[in-house]
Amino acid sequence: MTRGPDDSAPDREDSPRDAALAWFVRLESGDADAGQRADFARWLAHDPVNRREYERLAGVWRDLDRVPDPRPARRRPAVSRRGVLAGAAAAAAAMAVTPVIGTGTIRTGTGERRSLTLDDGSLVDLDAGSGIAPAFTPAGRRVRLVDGRARFTPAAGRDGPFTVTCGDHSVTTRAAVFTVHGHTEGVVVAVEHGTVEVACRGIHQAHLGAGACRIHGADGPGTPVPDGVAIESAWRQGRLVFRDQPLAAVVADLNRYHPARIVLWGAALAGLRVDGTVDITRPDTALNAIARTLPVRMQQPVPGVILLRAV
């Protein structure tokens, strides 16, 4: 039996392609420890098919990092290649830090990431092109994710729960570290530490513990997302990671980092599935990979707009 790095599904037998993708996501997101890297080396040597599938996947995405970045330097996020390789600590240091935030809507621009301290001491890491609206009252601590993605670390020792809302969904906890992502297929909730409760229009959907990640829709939570916490945390380490994601969701993520507006021309393209990872300072590499691996072509009819059309 061949197995990828998804220890949460010990009974699943992966195809070489699925296992290669799972290893690729884990290694590129920076979440693999020394033992897992040793397991990966054994998996790679176990069967020539494993190596072929991994090299095929890695070659499509990694080689594209060599494409020169055409954007003006002033538009690039302040994350160096060295900082990406150093991991989350260096990436966090590269984020802009703002003063304590009380009420009102806080937004980040294209390619901009921010670390915020709310007026109760809670911490928020805000992804590029995202917005939150804190609304703290004596009755409770609530933050609305207007759009995009954010990671929350509620202040400890405070009375009452901490709740993040996104559309019709709410995520409530007393002590957890978690990410909420407004996704084209619902609301992604990924829990690093602690436990959260997810509800839709006030109706309980699920309790999620540490290591859990699911996409929640109007009909309830979807199946667990393998390596979902690593995927939803990768942007803090300078990467965007896509694992079997619809093209519409990939474009939404890329639009938060690309200076041009990327538009899908035709609803049929939205459901095409995408796998891979890209440096957030080089979103054009993802577009080139999409054009190479999917039946789409890029056009730029006017400056500042990129169309993705069916071939």
C-alpha atoms as a PDB file:
ATOM      1  CA  MET A   1       0.000   0.000   0.000  1.00  0.00           C
ATOM      2  CA  THR A   2       1.360   3.427  -0.938  1.00  0.00           C
ATOM      3  CA  ARG A   3       0.519   6.316   1.305  1.00  0.00           C
ATOM      4  CA  GLY A   4       0.933  10.066   1.230  1.00  0.00           C
ATOM      5  CA  PRO A   5       1.336  12.390   4.205  1.00  0.00           C
ATOM      6  CA  ASP A   6      -2.355  12.492   5.176  1.00  0.00           C
ATOM      7  CA  ASP A   7      -2.178  10.678   8.503  1.00  0.00           C
ATOM      8  CA  SER A   8      -5.778  11.647   9.279  1.00  0.00           C
ATOM      9  CA  ALA A   9      -7.048   9.036   6.785  1.00  0.00           C
ATOM     10  CA  PRO A  10      -5.107   5.866   7.674  1.00  0.00           C
ATOM     11  CA  ASP A  11      -7.474   3.544   5.821  1.00  0.00           C
ATOM     12  CA  ARG A  12      -7.321   5.368   2.496  1.00  0.00           C
ATOM     13  CA  GLU A  13      -5.269   3.863  -0.325  1.00  0.00           C
ATOM     14  CA  ASP A  14      -3.937   6.653  -2.516  1.00  0.00           C
ATOM     15  CA  SER A  15      -3.270   6.379  -6.220  1.00  0.00           C
ATOM     16  CA  PRO A  16       0.285   7.451  -7.129  1.00  0.00           C
ATOM     17  CA  ARG A  17      -1.127  10.714  -8.523  1.00  0.00           C
ATOM     18  CA  ASP A  18      -3.130  11.495  -5.393  1.00  0.00           C
ATOM     19  CA  ALA A  19      -0.242  10.581  -3.132  1.00  0.00           C
ATOM     20  CA  ALA A  20       2.153  12.732  -5.188  1.00  0.00           C
ATOM     21  CA  LEU A  21      -0.211  15.663  -4.840  1.00  0.00           C
ATOM     22  CA  ALA A  22      -0.543  15.155  -1.089  1.00  0.00           C
ATOM     23  CA  TRP A  23       3.240  15.036  -0.670  1.00  0.00           C
ATOM     24  CA  PHE A  24       3.709  18.052  -2.926  1.00  0.00           C
ATOM     25  CA  VAL A  25       1.220  20.142  -0.943  1.00  0.00           C
ATOM     26  CA  ARG A  26       2.761  19.130   2.393  1.00  0.00           C
ATOM     27  CA  LEU A  27       6.364  19.759   1.344  1.00  0.00           C
ATOM     28  CA  GLU A  28       5.688  23.038  -0.476  1.00  0.00           C
ATOM     29  CA  SER A  29       3.565  24.438   2.371  1.00  0.00           C
ATOM     30  CA  GLY A  30       6.526  23.976   4.740  1.00  0.00           C
ATOM     31  CA  ASP A  31       4.538  21.788   7.144  1.00  0.00           C
ATOM     32  CA  ALA A  32       6.596  18.591   6.842  1.00  0.00           C
ATOM     33  CA  ASP A  33       8.939  17.597   9.661  1.00  0.00           C
ATOM     34  CA  ALA A  34      12.099  15.482   9.370  1.00  0.00           C
ATOM     35  CA  GLY A  35      10.232  12.208   9.881  1.00  0.00           C
ATOM     36  CA  GLN A  36       7.709  12.996   7.172  1.00  0.00           C
ATOM     37  CA  ARG A  37      10.496  13.951   4.782  1.00  0.00           C
ATOM     38  CA  ALA A  38      12.087  10.565   5.444  1.00  0.00           C
ATOM     39  CA  ASP A  39       8.710   8.897   4.760  1.00  0.00           C
ATOM     40  CA  PHE A  40       8.508  10.874   1.520  1.00  0.00           C
ATOM     41  CA  ALA A  41      11.950   9.657   0.436  1.00  0.00           C
ATOM     42  CA  ARG A  42      10.882   6.046   1.074  1.00  0.00           C
ATOM     43  CA  TRP A  43       7.627   6.559  -0.830  1.00  0.00           C
ATOM     44  CA  LEU A  44       9.536   8.091  -3.736  1.00  0.00           C
ATOM     45  CA  ALA A  45      11.930   5.149  -3.914  1.00  0.00           C
ATOM     46  CA  HIS A  46       9.221   2.510  -3.502  1.00  0.00           C
ATOM     47  CA  ASP A  47       7.940   2.617  -7.089  1.00  0.00           C
ATOM     48  CA  PRO A  48       9.185   4.387 -10.257  1.00  0.00           C
ATOM     49  CA  VAL A  49       5.573   5.443 -10.896  1.00  0.00           C
ATOM     50  CA  ASN A  50       5.642   7.444  -7.663  1.00  0.00           C
ATOM     51  CA  ARG A  51       8.720   9.370  -8.776  1.00  0.00           C
ATOM     52  CA  ARG A  52       7.305   9.960 -12.245  1.00  0.00           C
ATOM     53  CA  GLU A  53       4.018  11.347 -10.909  1.00  0.00           C
ATOM     54  CA  TYR A  54       5.771  13.606  -8.400  1.00  0.00           C
ATOM     55  CA  GLU A  55       8.279  14.957 -10.928  1.00  0.00           C
ATOM     56  CA  ARG A  56       5.480  15.592 -13.427  1.00  0.00           C
ATOM     57  CA  LEU A  57       3.528  17.628 -10.885  1.00  0.00           C
ATOM     58  CA  ALA A  58       6.538  19.447  -9.478  1.00  0.00           C
ATOM     59  CA  GLY A  59       7.937  20.241 -12.911  1.00  0.00           C
ATOM     60  CA  VAL A  60       4.813  22.020 -14.079  1.00  0.00           C
ATOM     61  CA  TRP A  61       4.760  24.387 -11.113  1.00  0.00           C
ATOM     62  CA  ARG A  62       8.294  24.812  -9.829  1.00  0.00           C
ATOM     63  CA  ASP A  63       9.957  25.518 -13.164  1.00  0.00           C
ATOM     64  CA  LEU A  64       7.520  28.368 -13.705  1.00  0.00           C
ATOM     65  CA  ASP A  65       9.092  30.230 -10.769  1.00  0.00           C
ATOM     66  CA  ARG A  66      11.903  31.087 -13.206  1.00  0.00           C
ATOM     67  CA  VAL A  67       9.577  33.294 -15.266  1.00  0.00           C
ATOM     68  CA  PRO A  68      10.536  36.954 -14.654  1.00  0.00           C
ATOM     69  CA  ASP A  69       8.006  38.922 -12.603  1.00  0.00           C
ATOM     70  CA  PRO A  70       6.786  41.821 -14.815  1.00  0.00           C
ATOM     71  CA  ARG A  71       5.154  43.811 -12.016  1.00  0.00           C
ATOM     72  CA  PRO A  72       6.713  47.057 -10.752  1.00  0.00           C
ATOM     73  CA  ALA A  73       8.751  46.448  -7.604  1.00  0.00           C
ATOM     74  CA  ARG A  74       6.599  48.838  -5.542  1.00  0.00           C
ATOM     75  CA  ARG A  75       3.593  46.532  -5.949  1.00  0.00           C
ATOM     76  CA  ARG A  76       5.253  43.445  -4.592  1.00  0.00           C
ATOM     77  CA  PRO A  77       4.480  42.226  -1.059  1.00  0.00           C
ATOM     78  CA  ALA A  78       7.405  42.697   1.318  1.00  0.00           C
ATOM     79  CA  VAL A  79       8.362  39.002   1.391  1.00  0.00           C
ATOM     80  CA  SER A  80      11.776  37.939   0.142  1.00  0.00           C
ATOM     81  CA  ARG A  81      12.720  34.507  -1.154  1.00  0.00           C
ATOM     82  CA  ARG A  82      14.850  34.067   1.960  1.00  0.00           C
ATOM     83  CA  GLY A  83      11.862  34.993   4.092  1.00  0.00           C
ATOM     84  CA  VAL A  84       9.683  32.411   2.353  1.00  0.00           C
ATOM     85  CA  LEU A  85      12.212  29.683   2.986  1.00  0.00           C
ATOM     86  CA  ALA A  86      12.661  30.757   6.600  1.00  0.00           C
ATOM     87  CA  GLY A  87       9.023  29.925   7.298  1.00  0.00           C
ATOM     88  CA  ALA A  88       6.180  31.484   9.187  1.00  0.00           C
ATOM     89  CA  ALA A  89       8.281  33.528  11.608  1.00  0.00           C
ATOM     90  CA  ALA A  90      10.038  35.465   8.865  1.00  0.00           C
ATOM     91  CA  ALA A  91       6.819  35.867   6.886  1.00  0.00           C
ATOM     92  CA  ALA A  92       5.044  37.225   9.933  1.00  0.00           C
ATOM     93  CA  ALA A  93       7.855  39.706  10.450  1.00  0.00           C
ATOM     94  CA  ALA A  94       7.371  40.890   6.859  1.00  0.00           C
ATOM     95  CA  MET A  95       3.719  41.790   7.448  1.00  0.00           C
ATOM     96  CA  ALA A  96       2.780  45.367   8.244  1.00  0.00           C
ATOM     97  CA  VAL A  97       1.688  45.810  11.867  1.00  0.00           C
ATOM     98  CA  THR A  98      -1.040  48.311  12.713  1.00  0.00           C
ATOM     99  CA  PRO A  99      -2.138  49.854  16.004  1.00  0.00           C
ATOM    100  CA  VAL A 100      -4.925  48.458  18.145  1.00  0.00           C
ATOM    101  CA  ILE A 101      -8.215  48.302  16.232  1.00  0.00           C
ATOM    102  CA  GLY A 102     -11.634  48.883  17.769  1.00  0.00           C
ATOM    103  CA  THR A 103     -14.518  49.285  15.321  1.00  0.00           C
ATOM    104  CA  GLY A 104     -14.958  49.996  11.618  1.00  0.00           C
ATOM    105  CA  THR A 105     -13.938  48.029   8.547  1.00  0.00           C
ATOM    106  CA  ILE A 106     -10.275  47.195   8.015  1.00  0.00           C
ATOM    107  CA  ARG A 107      -9.094  46.190   4.546  1.00  0.00           C
ATOM    108  CA  THR A 108      -5.885  45.141   2.884  1.00  0.00           C
ATOM    109  CA  GLY A 109      -4.975  46.047  -0.665  1.00  0.00           C
ATOM    110  CA  THR A 110      -3.627  43.907  -3.484  1.00  0.00           C
ATOM    111  CA  GLY A 111      -0.583  42.036  -2.266  1.00  0.00           C
ATOM    112  CA  GLU A 112      -0.807  43.625   1.204  1.00  0.00           C
ATOM    113  CA  ARG A 113      -0.949  41.553   4.391  1.00  0.00           C
ATOM    114  CA  ARG A 114      -1.440  42.980   7.864  1.00  0.00           C
ATOM    115  CA  SER A 115      -1.260  41.871  11.486  1.00  0.00           C
ATOM    116  CA  LEU A 116      -3.869  43.544  13.689  1.00  0.00           C
ATOM    117  CA  THR A 117      -4.546  43.732  17.411  1.00  0.00           C
ATOM    118  CA  LEU A 118      -8.220  44.210  18.250  1.00  0.00           C
ATOM    119  CA  ASP A 119      -9.255  46.260  21.257  1.00  0.00           C
ATOM    120  CA  ASP A 120      -9.725  43.164  23.436  1.00  0.00           C
ATOM    121  CA  GLY A 121      -6.188  41.992  22.692  1.00  0.00           C
ATOM    122  CA  SER A 122      -7.194  39.414  20.055  1.00  0.00           C
ATOM    123  CA  LEU A 123      -4.826  39.037  17.113  1.00  0.00           C
ATOM    124  CA  VAL A 124      -5.808  38.930  13.442  1.00  0.00           C
ATOM    125  CA  ASP A 125      -3.575  38.110  10.470  1.00  0.00           C
ATOM    126  CA  LEU A 126      -5.316  39.499   7.399  1.00  0.00           C
ATOM    127  CA  ASP A 127      -4.577  38.095   3.957  1.00  0.00           C
ATOM    128  CA  ALA A 128      -4.207  40.332   0.915  1.00  0.00           C
ATOM    129  CA  GLY A 129      -7.390  41.744  -0.614  1.00  0.00           C
ATOM    130  CA  SER A 130      -9.386  40.929   2.513  1.00  0.00           C
ATOM    131  CA  GLY A 131     -11.558  42.811   4.970  1.00  0.00           C
ATOM    132  CA  ILE A 132     -12.911  42.470   8.503  1.00  0.00           C
ATOM    133  CA  ALA A 133     -15.401  44.505  10.532  1.00  0.00           C
ATOM    134  CA  PRO A 134     -15.069  44.144  14.339  1.00  0.00           C
ATOM    135  CA  ALA A 135     -18.224  44.783  16.366  1.00  0.00           C
ATOM    136  CA  PHE A 136     -17.457  44.383  20.069  1.00  0.00           C
ATOM    137  CA  THR A 137     -20.266  45.057  22.536  1.00  0.00           C
ATOM    138  CA  PRO A 138     -20.929  44.123  26.172  1.00  0.00           C
ATOM    139  CA  ALA A 139     -23.001  41.240  24.791  1.00  0.00           C
ATOM    140  CA  GLY A 140     -20.155  39.633  22.886  1.00  0.00           C
ATOM    141  CA  ARG A 141     -17.061  39.865  20.719  1.00  0.00           C
ATOM    142  CA  ARG A 142     -17.940  39.539  17.033  1.00  0.00           C
ATOM    143  CA  VAL A 143     -15.909  40.082  13.884  1.00  0.00           C
ATOM    144  CA  ARG A 144     -17.374  39.911  10.383  1.00  0.00           C
ATOM    145  CA  LEU A 145     -15.119  38.630   7.617  1.00  0.00           C
ATOM    146  CA  VAL A 146     -16.256  40.908   4.816  1.00  0.00           C
ATOM    147  CA  ASP A 147     -14.266  39.018   2.186  1.00  0.00           C
ATOM    148  CA  GLY A 148     -11.005  37.199   1.694  1.00  0.00           C
ATOM    149  CA  ARG A 149      -9.233  35.268   4.435  1.00  0.00           C
ATOM    150  CA  ALA A 150      -8.040  35.908   7.990  1.00  0.00           C
ATOM    151  CA  ARG A 151      -6.428  34.005  10.849  1.00  0.00           C
ATOM    152  CA  PHE A 152      -7.750  34.678  14.353  1.00  0.00           C
ATOM    153  CA  THR A 153      -6.143  34.255  17.767  1.00  0.00           C
ATOM    154  CA  PRO A 154      -8.729  35.370  20.363  1.00  0.00           C
ATOM    155  CA  ALA A 155      -7.398  36.979  23.523  1.00  0.00           C
ATOM    156  CA  ALA A 156      -7.315  34.562  26.444  1.00  0.00           C
ATOM    157  CA  GLY A 157      -8.989  35.225  29.755  1.00  0.00           C
ATOM    158  CA  ARG A 158     -11.835  37.295  28.353  1.00  0.00           C
ATOM    159  CA  ASP A 159     -15.462  36.807  29.303  1.00  0.00           C
ATOM    160  CA  GLY A 160     -17.773  35.494  26.628  1.00  0.00           C
ATOM    161  CA  PRO A 161     -17.122  33.739  23.329  1.00  0.00           C
ATOM    162  CA  PHE A 162     -15.339  35.110  20.291  1.00  0.00           C
ATOM    163  CA  THR A 163     -17.361  34.823  17.051  1.00  0.00           C
ATOM    164  CA  VAL A 164     -16.377  35.335  13.422  1.00  0.00           C
ATOM    165  CA  THR A 165     -19.179  35.590  10.866  1.00  0.00           C
ATOM    166  CA  CYS A 166     -18.852  35.127   7.118  1.00  0.00           C
ATOM    167  CA  GLY A 167     -22.032  35.289   5.084  1.00  0.00           C
ATOM    168  CA  ASP A 168     -24.621  33.062   6.756  1.00  0.00           C
ATOM    169  CA  HIS A 169     -21.998  31.178   8.768  1.00  0.00           C
ATOM    170  CA  SER A 170     -20.561  31.821  12.202  1.00  0.00           C
ATOM    171  CA  VAL A 171     -17.491  30.361  13.899  1.00  0.00           C
ATOM    172  CA  THR A 172     -17.481  30.585  17.697  1.00  0.00           C
ATOM    173  CA  THR A 173     -14.820  29.702  20.250  1.00  0.00           C
ATOM    174  CA  ARG A 174     -13.466  30.623  23.659  1.00  0.00           C
ATOM    175  CA  ALA A 175      -9.871  29.606  23.007  1.00  0.00           C
ATOM    176  CA  ALA A 176      -8.714  28.549  19.533  1.00  0.00           C
ATOM    177  CA  VAL A 177      -6.453  29.594  16.677  1.00  0.00           C
ATOM    178  CA  PHE A 178      -8.294  29.304  13.393  1.00  0.00           C
ATOM    179  CA  THR A 179      -8.587  30.615   9.842  1.00  0.00           C
ATOM    180  CA  VAL A 180     -11.782  31.589   8.048  1.00  0.00           C
ATOM    181  CA  HIS A 181     -11.752  31.883   4.243  1.00  0.00           C
ATOM    182  CA  GLY A 182     -14.625  33.143   2.115  1.00  0.00           C
ATOM    183  CA  HIS A 183     -14.514  30.535  -0.655  1.00  0.00           C
ATOM    184  CA  THR A 184     -16.476  30.219  -3.893  1.00  0.00           C
ATOM    185  CA  GLU A 185     -17.867  26.876  -2.659  1.00  0.00           C
ATOM    186  CA  GLY A 186     -18.730  28.037   0.861  1.00  0.00           C
ATOM    187  CA  VAL A 187     -16.791  29.072   3.962  1.00  0.00           C
ATOM    188  CA  VAL A 188     -13.519  27.307   4.747  1.00  0.00           C
ATOM    189  CA  VAL A 189     -12.735  26.875   8.446  1.00  0.00           C
ATOM    190  CA  ALA A 190      -9.292  25.530   9.438  1.00  0.00           C
ATOM    191  CA  VAL A 191      -8.407  25.013  13.117  1.00  0.00           C
ATOM    192  CA  GLU A 192      -4.795  25.034  14.321  1.00  0.00           C
ATOM    193  CA  HIS A 193      -5.422  24.819  18.072  1.00  0.00           C
ATOM    194  CA  GLY A 194      -8.485  24.430  20.261  1.00  0.00           C
ATOM    195  CA  THR A 195     -12.083  23.798  19.219  1.00  0.00           C
ATOM    196  CA  VAL A 196     -14.642  25.882  17.333  1.00  0.00           C
ATOM    197  CA  GLU A 197     -18.357  25.553  16.663  1.00  0.00           C
ATOM    198  CA  VAL A 198     -19.615  26.286  13.149  1.00  0.00           C
ATOM    199  CA  ALA A 199     -23.234  27.271  12.573  1.00  0.00           C
ATOM    200  CA  CYS A 200     -25.271  28.408   9.565  1.00  0.00           C
ATOM    201  CA  ARG A 201     -28.080  30.902  10.232  1.00  0.00           C
ATOM    202  CA  GLY A 202     -27.865  29.988  13.888  1.00  0.00           C
ATOM    203  CA  ILE A 203     -28.206  26.229  13.300  1.00  0.00           C
ATOM    204  CA  HIS A 204     -25.284  24.116  14.510  1.00  0.00           C
ATOM    205  CA  GLN A 205     -23.319  22.389  11.743  1.00  0.00           C
ATOM    206  CA  ALA A 206     -20.169  21.012  13.356  1.00  0.00           C
ATOM    207  CA  HIS A 207     -17.572  21.100  16.105  1.00  0.00           C
ATOM    208  CA  LEU A 208     -14.047  21.239  14.662  1.00  0.00           C
ATOM    209  CA  GLY A 209     -10.953  20.394  16.681  1.00  0.00           C
ATOM    210  CA  ALA A 210      -7.264  21.041  16.151  1.00  0.00           C
ATOM    211  CA  GLY A 211      -6.075  19.939  12.711  1.00  0.00           C
ATOM    212  CA  ALA A 212      -9.552  19.939  11.170  1.00  0.00           C
ATOM    213  CA  CYS A 213     -10.463  21.808   7.988  1.00  0.00           C
ATOM    214  CA  ARG A 214     -13.783  21.761   6.129  1.00  0.00           C
ATOM    215  CA  ILE A 215     -15.710  23.782   3.576  1.00  0.00           C
ATOM    216  CA  HIS A 216     -19.119  24.694   5.006  1.00  0.00           C
ATOM    217  CA  GLY A 217     -22.057  25.399   2.719  1.00  0.00           C
ATOM    218  CA  ALA A 218     -25.755  25.996   3.217  1.00  0.00           C
ATOM    219  CA  ASP A 219     -26.338  22.217   3.296  1.00  0.00           C
ATOM    220  CA  GLY A 220     -23.721  21.563   5.957  1.00  0.00           C
ATOM    221  CA  PRO A 221     -20.017  20.793   6.177  1.00  0.00           C
ATOM    222  CA  GLY A 222     -18.228  19.023   3.375  1.00  0.00           C
ATOM    223  CA  THR A 223     -15.749  16.203   3.786  1.00  0.00           C
ATOM    224  CA  PRO A 224     -12.515  16.945   5.673  1.00  0.00           C
ATOM    225  CA  VAL A 225      -9.888  18.699   3.542  1.00  0.00           C
ATOM    226  CA  PRO A 226      -6.606  16.702   3.688  1.00  0.00           C
ATOM    227  CA  ASP A 227      -3.752  18.947   4.817  1.00  0.00           C
ATOM    228  CA  GLY A 228      -6.298  21.761   4.942  1.00  0.00           C
ATOM    229  CA  VAL A 229      -4.697  23.587   7.859  1.00  0.00           C
ATOM    230  CA  ALA A 230      -1.342  23.669   6.040  1.00  0.00           C
ATOM    231  CA  ILE A 231      -3.039  24.815   2.827  1.00  0.00           C
ATOM    232  CA  GLU A 232      -4.966  27.602   4.566  1.00  0.00           C
ATOM    233  CA  SER A 233      -1.820  28.722   6.429  1.00  0.00           C
ATOM    234  CA  ALA A 234       0.559  28.679   3.455  1.00  0.00           C
ATOM    235  CA  TRP A 235      -0.100  32.322   2.508  1.00  0.00           C
ATOM    236  CA  ARG A 236       1.545  33.361   5.774  1.00  0.00           C
ATOM    237  CA  GLN A 237       4.682  31.567   4.554  1.00  0.00           C
ATOM    238  CA  GLY A 238       4.629  33.258   1.158  1.00  0.00           C
ATOM    239  CA  ARG A 239       2.765  30.616  -0.845  1.00  0.00           C
ATOM    240  CA  LEU A 240      -0.683  29.989  -2.256  1.00  0.00           C
ATOM    241  CA  VAL A 241      -1.486  26.274  -2.302  1.00  0.00           C
ATOM    242  CA  PHE A 242      -4.292  24.765  -4.388  1.00  0.00           C
ATOM    243  CA  ARG A 243      -5.385  21.175  -3.989  1.00  0.00           C
ATOM    244  CA  ASP A 244      -8.145  20.067  -6.340  1.00  0.00           C
ATOM    245  CA  GLN A 245      -9.595  23.593  -6.250  1.00  0.00           C
ATOM    246  CA  PRO A 246     -12.136  24.933  -8.755  1.00  0.00           C
ATOM    247  CA  LEU A 247     -10.623  27.455 -11.131  1.00  0.00           C
ATOM    248  CA  ALA A 248     -13.066  30.101  -9.866  1.00  0.00           C
ATOM    249  CA  ALA A 249     -11.601  29.789  -6.352  1.00  0.00           C
ATOM    250  CA  VAL A 250      -8.041  29.887  -7.682  1.00  0.00           C
ATOM    251  CA  VAL A 251      -8.777  33.074  -9.633  1.00  0.00           C
ATOM    252  CA  ALA A 252     -10.352  34.643  -6.543  1.00  0.00           C
ATOM    253  CA  ASP A 253      -7.159  33.943  -4.566  1.00  0.00           C
ATOM    254  CA  LEU A 254      -4.877  35.161  -7.351  1.00  0.00           C
ATOM    255  CA  ASN A 255      -6.857  38.386  -7.704  1.00  0.00           C
ATOM    256  CA  ARG A 256      -5.824  39.312  -4.171  1.00  0.00           C
ATOM    257  CA  TYR A 257      -2.170  39.301  -5.265  1.00  0.00           C
ATOM    258  CA  HIS A 258      -2.117  40.132  -8.975  1.00  0.00           C
ATOM    259  CA  PRO A 259      -2.087  43.833  -9.957  1.00  0.00           C
ATOM    260  CA  ALA A 260      -4.337  43.088 -12.950  1.00  0.00           C
ATOM    261  CA  ARG A 261      -7.938  41.951 -12.627  1.00  0.00           C
ATOM    262  CA  ILE A 262      -8.272  38.299 -13.703  1.00  0.00           C
ATOM    263  CA  VAL A 263     -11.667  37.438 -15.188  1.00  0.00           C
ATOM    264  CA  LEU A 264     -13.096  34.054 -16.156  1.00  0.00           C
ATOM    265  CA  TRP A 265     -14.855  34.408 -19.516  1.00  0.00           C
ATOM    266  CA  GLY A 266     -17.493  31.680 -19.518  1.00  0.00           C
ATOM    267  CA  ALA A 267     -19.164  29.865 -16.626  1.00  0.00           C
ATOM    268  CA  ALA A 268     -17.996  26.463 -17.895  1.00  0.00           C
ATOM    269  CA  LEU A 269     -14.420  27.273 -16.863  1.00  0.00           C
ATOM    270  CA  ALA A 270     -15.270  27.899 -13.214  1.00  0.00           C
ATOM    271  CA  GLY A 271     -15.407  24.223 -12.257  1.00  0.00           C
ATOM    272  CA  LEU A 272     -12.115  23.138 -13.838  1.00  0.00           C
ATOM    273  CA  ARG A 273      -9.892  21.699 -11.098  1.00  0.00           C
ATOM    274  CA  VAL A 274      -6.443  23.035 -10.251  1.00  0.00           C
ATOM    275  CA  ASP A 275      -3.561  21.569  -8.236  1.00  0.00           C
ATOM    276  CA  GLY A 276      -0.338  23.338  -7.353  1.00  0.00           C
ATOM    277  CA  THR A 277       1.473  26.007  -5.399  1.00  0.00           C
ATOM    278  CA  VAL A 278       2.922  29.393  -6.272  1.00  0.00           C
ATOM    279  CA  ASP A 279       5.047  32.110  -4.696  1.00  0.00           C
ATOM    280  CA  ILE A 280       2.693  34.952  -3.726  1.00  0.00           C
ATOM    281  CA  THR A 281       5.151  37.484  -5.143  1.00  0.00           C
ATOM    282  CA  ARG A 282       4.862  35.810  -8.561  1.00  0.00           C
ATOM    283  CA  PRO A 283       1.182  35.213  -9.336  1.00  0.00           C
ATOM    284  CA  ASP A 284       1.886  35.219 -13.080  1.00  0.00           C
ATOM    285  CA  THR A 285       3.539  31.811 -12.652  1.00  0.00           C
ATOM    286  CA  ALA A 286       0.158  30.367 -11.657  1.00  0.00           C
ATOM    287  CA  LEU A 287      -1.518  31.908 -14.696  1.00  0.00           C
ATOM    288  CA  ASN A 288       1.148  30.406 -16.970  1.00  0.00           C
ATOM    289  CA  ALA A 289       0.664  27.010 -15.355  1.00  0.00           C
ATOM    290  CA  ILE A 290      -3.111  27.253 -15.785  1.00  0.00           C
ATOM    291  CA  ALA A 291      -2.686  28.086 -19.469  1.00  0.00           C
ATOM    292  CA  ARG A 292      -0.306  25.137 -19.899  1.00  0.00           C
ATOM    293  CA  THR A 293      -2.334  22.496 -18.072  1.00  0.00           C
ATOM    294  CA  LEU A 294      -5.990  23.454 -18.632  1.00  0.00           C
ATOM    295  CA  PRO A 295      -7.984  24.091 -21.815  1.00  0.00           C
ATOM    296  CA  VAL A 296      -7.823  27.866 -21.363  1.00  0.00           C
ATOM    297  CA  ARG A 297      -5.964  30.727 -22.972  1.00  0.00           C
ATOM    298  CA  MET A 298      -5.036  34.152 -21.631  1.00  0.00           C
ATOM    299  CA  GLN A 299      -5.863  37.433 -23.306  1.00  0.00           C
ATOM    300  CA  GLN A 300      -5.277  41.014 -22.178  1.00  0.00           C
ATOM    301  CA  PRO A 301      -7.803  43.128 -24.079  1.00  0.00           C
ATOM    302  CA  VAL A 302      -7.004  46.291 -22.106  1.00  0.00           C
ATOM    303  CA  PRO A 303      -4.309  47.158 -19.580  1.00  0.00           C
ATOM    304  CA  GLY A 304      -5.157  45.925 -16.124  1.00  0.00           C
ATOM    305  CA  VAL A 305      -7.508  43.110 -17.222  1.00  0.00           C
ATOM    306  CA  ILE A 306      -6.594  39.490 -17.993  1.00  0.00           C
ATOM    307  CA  LEU A 307      -9.242  37.234 -19.525  1.00  0.00           C
ATOM    308  CA  LEU A 308      -9.139  33.461 -19.174  1.00  0.00           C
ATOM    309  CA  ARG A 309     -11.136  31.959 -22.056  1.00  0.00           C
ATOM    310  CA  ALA A 310     -11.861  28.444 -23.242  1.00  0.00           C
ATOM    311  CA  VAL A 311      -9.524  27.173 -25.947  1.00  0.00           C
END
